[in-house]
Every structure is written in C-alpha cells, then in structure tokens.
Amino acid sequence: MATLAMLPISGGAASAGSKEALLLNTLSHAFHASAKASYFEDPTGKLRIQDMADPALSAQFRAISTAGDPNFGFSHSAYWL
C-alpha cells in the first residue's frame, strides 16, 4: 500500500515545478492542483517531514505532469507532494 503525504513548503521543492501562485477566488470554478505541484518518491518509506528541509533532498522534487490526473501506479513507495 502506498503512503501519500501532503507537504506545504515555501521555496525549494514547492517552487520547483511552478513559477507563480495558484490563485483561487469566486470566479474560480475548477483548477488542477497538479499544475502547481511537485513530488518526491521515497522508495524506503522511511523519510520524515524533518528530512524534507534538507536542500539536497528538496532539489530532487519533480514537477507533476500537467498531461492529466497524477498517476503513480502501483508502488510501495511513499510520495511527498
């Protein structure tokens, strides 16, 4: 079973795949959060939230494809978003 953790980070990993903030207002009917998100795969599943503060680790986050809904398939890895 895969583990999924949502992680708000300023700078570094959070800005790896995005250039601007996602703005929501009363005119916003729908949005694709994956267009502004990045992820890191932890195959060991042993990393902790404190580990995400390491600049070397946060530099390894990759942008989520905007080609459709994110799909990581079947995996035993933990995914940090």
N, C-alpha and C. Protein backbone atom coordinates (compact mmCIF):
# COMPACT_ATOMS: atom_id res chain seq x y z
N MET A 1 0.84 -1.17 0.00
CA MET A 1 0.00 0.00 0.00
C MET A 1 0.89 1.24 0.00
N ALA A 2 0.62 2.17 -0.87
CA ALA A 2 1.40 3.41 -0.97
C ALA A 2 0.98 4.39 0.12
N THR A 3 1.92 5.21 0.53
CA THR A 3 1.67 6.25 1.51
C THR A 3 1.72 7.59 0.80
N LEU A 4 0.82 8.48 1.13
CA LEU A 4 0.78 9.79 0.50
C LEU A 4 0.80 10.85 1.58
N ALA A 5 1.74 11.78 1.50
CA ALA A 5 1.84 12.86 2.47
C ALA A 5 1.80 14.19 1.73
N MET A 6 0.93 15.08 2.16
CA MET A 6 0.87 16.42 1.59
C MET A 6 1.78 17.32 2.40
N LEU A 7 2.65 18.04 1.74
CA LEU A 7 3.66 18.82 2.44
C LEU A 7 3.73 20.23 1.90
N PRO A 8 3.25 21.22 2.65
CA PRO A 8 3.42 22.61 2.20
C PRO A 8 4.83 23.09 2.51
N ILE A 9 5.53 23.54 1.50
CA ILE A 9 6.90 24.02 1.67
C ILE A 9 7.02 25.35 0.95
N SER A 10 7.70 26.29 1.56
CA SER A 10 7.95 27.56 0.86
C SER A 10 9.32 27.50 0.23
N GLY A 11 9.40 27.97 -1.03
CA GLY A 11 10.68 27.92 -1.75
C GLY A 11 11.03 26.49 -2.09
N GLY A 12 12.25 26.27 -2.55
CA GLY A 12 12.79 24.93 -2.81
C GLY A 12 11.83 24.04 -3.56
N ALA A 13 11.38 22.99 -2.88
CA ALA A 13 10.57 21.97 -3.52
C ALA A 13 9.25 22.50 -4.04
N ALA A 14 8.62 23.37 -3.31
CA ALA A 14 7.30 23.85 -3.73
C ALA A 14 7.40 24.67 -5.00
N SER A 15 8.49 25.35 -5.20
CA SER A 15 8.61 26.19 -6.38
C SER A 15 9.30 25.48 -7.54
N ALA A 16 9.69 24.22 -7.34
CA ALA A 16 10.42 23.50 -8.37
C ALA A 16 9.65 23.40 -9.68
N GLY A 17 8.33 23.18 -9.60
CA GLY A 17 7.58 22.99 -10.82
C GLY A 17 6.66 24.15 -11.15
N SER A 18 6.72 25.21 -10.36
CA SER A 18 5.78 26.31 -10.61
C SER A 18 6.51 27.64 -10.60
N LYS A 19 5.95 28.58 -11.35
CA LYS A 19 6.53 29.91 -11.44
C LYS A 19 5.68 30.95 -10.73
N GLU A 20 4.40 30.63 -10.51
CA GLU A 20 3.51 31.60 -9.88
C GLU A 20 2.55 30.86 -8.96
N ALA A 21 1.92 31.60 -8.07
CA ALA A 21 0.98 31.03 -7.11
C ALA A 21 -0.33 30.63 -7.80
N LEU A 22 -1.00 29.68 -7.22
CA LEU A 22 -2.32 29.28 -7.69
C LEU A 22 -3.33 30.17 -6.99
N LEU A 23 -3.99 31.03 -7.74
CA LEU A 23 -4.94 31.99 -7.17
C LEU A 23 -6.36 31.45 -7.28
N LEU A 24 -7.05 31.44 -6.17
CA LEU A 24 -8.44 31.00 -6.14
C LEU A 24 -9.31 32.17 -5.71
N ASN A 25 -10.43 32.35 -6.38
CA ASN A 25 -11.37 33.40 -6.00
C ASN A 25 -12.77 32.95 -6.37
N THR A 26 -13.73 33.83 -6.23
CA THR A 26 -15.12 33.45 -6.51
C THR A 26 -15.36 33.15 -7.99
N LEU A 27 -14.46 33.56 -8.84
CA LEU A 27 -14.59 33.28 -10.27
C LEU A 27 -13.97 31.93 -10.65
N SER A 28 -13.25 31.32 -9.72
CA SER A 28 -12.60 30.03 -9.99
C SER A 28 -13.63 28.91 -9.87
N HIS A 29 -13.89 28.23 -10.97
CA HIS A 29 -14.84 27.13 -10.95
C HIS A 29 -14.12 25.80 -10.78
N ALA A 30 -12.93 25.71 -11.30
CA ALA A 30 -12.15 24.48 -11.19
C ALA A 30 -10.68 24.81 -11.38
N PHE A 31 -9.84 23.98 -10.84
CA PHE A 31 -8.41 24.14 -11.04
C PHE A 31 -7.74 22.78 -10.94
N HIS A 32 -6.60 22.67 -11.54
CA HIS A 32 -5.81 21.45 -11.49
C HIS A 32 -4.60 21.72 -10.61
N ALA A 33 -4.66 21.25 -9.37
CA ALA A 33 -3.57 21.47 -8.43
C ALA A 33 -2.27 20.85 -8.92
N SER A 34 -2.36 19.80 -9.73
CA SER A 34 -1.15 19.14 -10.21
C SER A 34 -0.31 20.06 -11.08
N ALA A 35 -0.92 21.09 -11.66
CA ALA A 35 -0.17 22.03 -12.48
C ALA A 35 0.78 22.87 -11.64
N LYS A 36 0.56 22.95 -10.33
CA LYS A 36 1.37 23.76 -9.44
C LYS A 36 2.11 22.91 -8.41
N ALA A 37 2.08 21.60 -8.55
CA ALA A 37 2.65 20.71 -7.53
C ALA A 37 3.90 19.99 -8.03
N SER A 38 4.70 19.57 -7.07
CA SER A 38 5.86 18.74 -7.38
C SER A 38 5.87 17.57 -6.40
N TYR A 39 6.64 16.54 -6.71
CA TYR A 39 6.64 15.35 -5.86
C TYR A 39 8.03 14.78 -5.71
N PHE A 40 8.17 13.97 -4.67
CA PHE A 40 9.41 13.23 -4.42
C PHE A 40 9.02 11.81 -4.05
N GLU A 41 9.62 10.82 -4.70
CA GLU A 41 9.35 9.42 -4.38
C GLU A 41 10.37 8.93 -3.36
N ASP A 42 9.88 8.39 -2.26
CA ASP A 42 10.71 7.81 -1.20
C ASP A 42 10.51 6.30 -1.23
N PRO A 43 11.38 5.56 -1.95
CA PRO A 43 11.19 4.12 -2.07
C PRO A 43 11.31 3.38 -0.74
N THR A 44 12.03 3.95 0.21
CA THR A 44 12.21 3.30 1.52
C THR A 44 11.00 3.53 2.42
N GLY A 45 10.28 4.63 2.21
CA GLY A 45 9.16 4.97 3.07
C GLY A 45 9.58 5.37 4.47
N LYS A 46 10.86 5.68 4.64
CA LYS A 46 11.39 5.97 5.97
C LYS A 46 11.70 7.45 6.21
N LEU A 47 11.60 8.28 5.19
CA LEU A 47 11.89 9.70 5.38
C LEU A 47 10.81 10.34 6.24
N ARG A 48 11.20 11.36 6.97
CA ARG A 48 10.29 12.08 7.85
C ARG A 48 10.14 13.51 7.34
N ILE A 49 9.18 14.22 7.87
CA ILE A 49 8.94 15.59 7.44
C ILE A 49 10.18 16.45 7.69
N GLN A 50 10.93 16.17 8.75
CA GLN A 50 12.15 16.92 9.03
C GLN A 50 13.18 16.74 7.91
N ASP A 51 13.18 15.58 7.27
CA ASP A 51 14.13 15.31 6.18
C ASP A 51 13.85 16.18 4.96
N MET A 52 12.61 16.62 4.80
CA MET A 52 12.25 17.42 3.63
C MET A 52 12.86 18.81 3.67
N ALA A 53 13.37 19.25 4.83
CA ALA A 53 14.01 20.57 4.95
C ALA A 53 15.42 20.56 4.38
N ASP A 54 15.98 19.40 4.09
CA ASP A 54 17.32 19.29 3.54
C ASP A 54 17.31 19.81 2.09
N PRO A 55 18.10 20.87 1.79
CA PRO A 55 18.10 21.43 0.43
C PRO A 55 18.48 20.40 -0.64
N ALA A 56 19.38 19.48 -0.32
CA ALA A 56 19.77 18.46 -1.31
C ALA A 56 18.59 17.56 -1.64
N LEU A 57 17.76 17.28 -0.66
CA LEU A 57 16.60 16.43 -0.89
C LEU A 57 15.49 17.21 -1.60
N SER A 58 15.24 18.45 -1.17
CA SER A 58 14.17 19.23 -1.80
C SER A 58 14.49 19.54 -3.26
N ALA A 59 15.76 19.55 -3.63
CA ALA A 59 16.14 19.78 -5.03
C ALA A 59 15.77 18.61 -5.93
N GLN A 60 15.45 17.46 -5.33
CA GLN A 60 15.11 16.27 -6.10
C GLN A 60 13.61 16.15 -6.41
N PHE A 61 12.81 17.11 -5.93
CA PHE A 61 11.38 17.11 -6.25
C PHE A 61 11.22 17.36 -7.75
N ARG A 62 10.24 16.68 -8.36
CA ARG A 62 9.97 16.84 -9.79
C ARG A 62 8.55 17.36 -9.99
N ALA A 63 8.37 18.13 -11.03
CA ALA A 63 7.04 18.66 -11.35
C ALA A 63 6.11 17.52 -11.73
N ILE A 64 4.87 17.63 -11.30
CA ILE A 64 3.85 16.65 -11.70
C ILE A 64 3.39 17.01 -13.10
N SER A 65 3.24 16.03 -13.94
CA SER A 65 2.83 16.26 -15.32
C SER A 65 1.47 16.94 -15.38
N THR A 66 1.33 17.86 -16.30
CA THR A 66 0.04 18.52 -16.49
C THR A 66 -0.76 17.84 -17.61
N ALA A 67 -0.30 16.67 -18.05
CA ALA A 67 -0.96 15.97 -19.14
C ALA A 67 -2.27 15.31 -18.70
N GLY A 68 -2.56 15.31 -17.43
CA GLY A 68 -3.79 14.69 -16.93
C GLY A 68 -3.70 14.54 -15.43
N ASP A 69 -4.54 13.70 -14.89
CA ASP A 69 -4.51 13.47 -13.46
C ASP A 69 -3.24 12.72 -13.07
N PRO A 70 -2.64 13.09 -11.93
CA PRO A 70 -1.42 12.39 -11.49
C PRO A 70 -1.72 10.91 -11.27
N ASN A 71 -0.80 10.07 -11.71
CA ASN A 71 -0.94 8.64 -11.53
C ASN A 71 0.44 8.06 -11.28
N PHE A 72 0.66 7.58 -10.08
CA PHE A 72 1.95 6.99 -9.73
C PHE A 72 1.93 5.48 -9.87
N GLY A 73 0.83 4.93 -10.31
CA GLY A 73 0.74 3.49 -10.50
C GLY A 73 0.75 2.75 -9.17
N PHE A 74 1.07 1.46 -9.23
CA PHE A 74 1.16 0.65 -8.02
C PHE A 74 2.58 0.71 -7.52
N SER A 75 2.73 1.01 -6.23
CA SER A 75 4.07 1.18 -5.67
C SER A 75 4.01 1.01 -4.16
N HIS A 76 5.11 0.57 -3.58
CA HIS A 76 5.24 0.51 -2.13
C HIS A 76 5.95 1.76 -1.61
N SER A 77 6.28 2.66 -2.51
CA SER A 77 6.98 3.90 -2.14
C SER A 77 6.04 4.86 -1.43
N ALA A 78 6.65 5.78 -0.67
CA ALA A 78 5.92 6.93 -0.12
C ALA A 78 6.15 8.08 -1.08
N TYR A 79 5.14 8.89 -1.30
CA TYR A 79 5.25 10.05 -2.20
C TYR A 79 5.02 11.31 -1.39
N TRP A 80 5.94 12.24 -1.50
CA TRP A 80 5.84 13.54 -0.83
C TRP A 80 5.44 14.56 -1.88
N LEU A 81 4.39 15.32 -1.61
CA LEU A 81 3.90 16.33 -2.55
C LEU A 81 4.08 17.71 -1.96
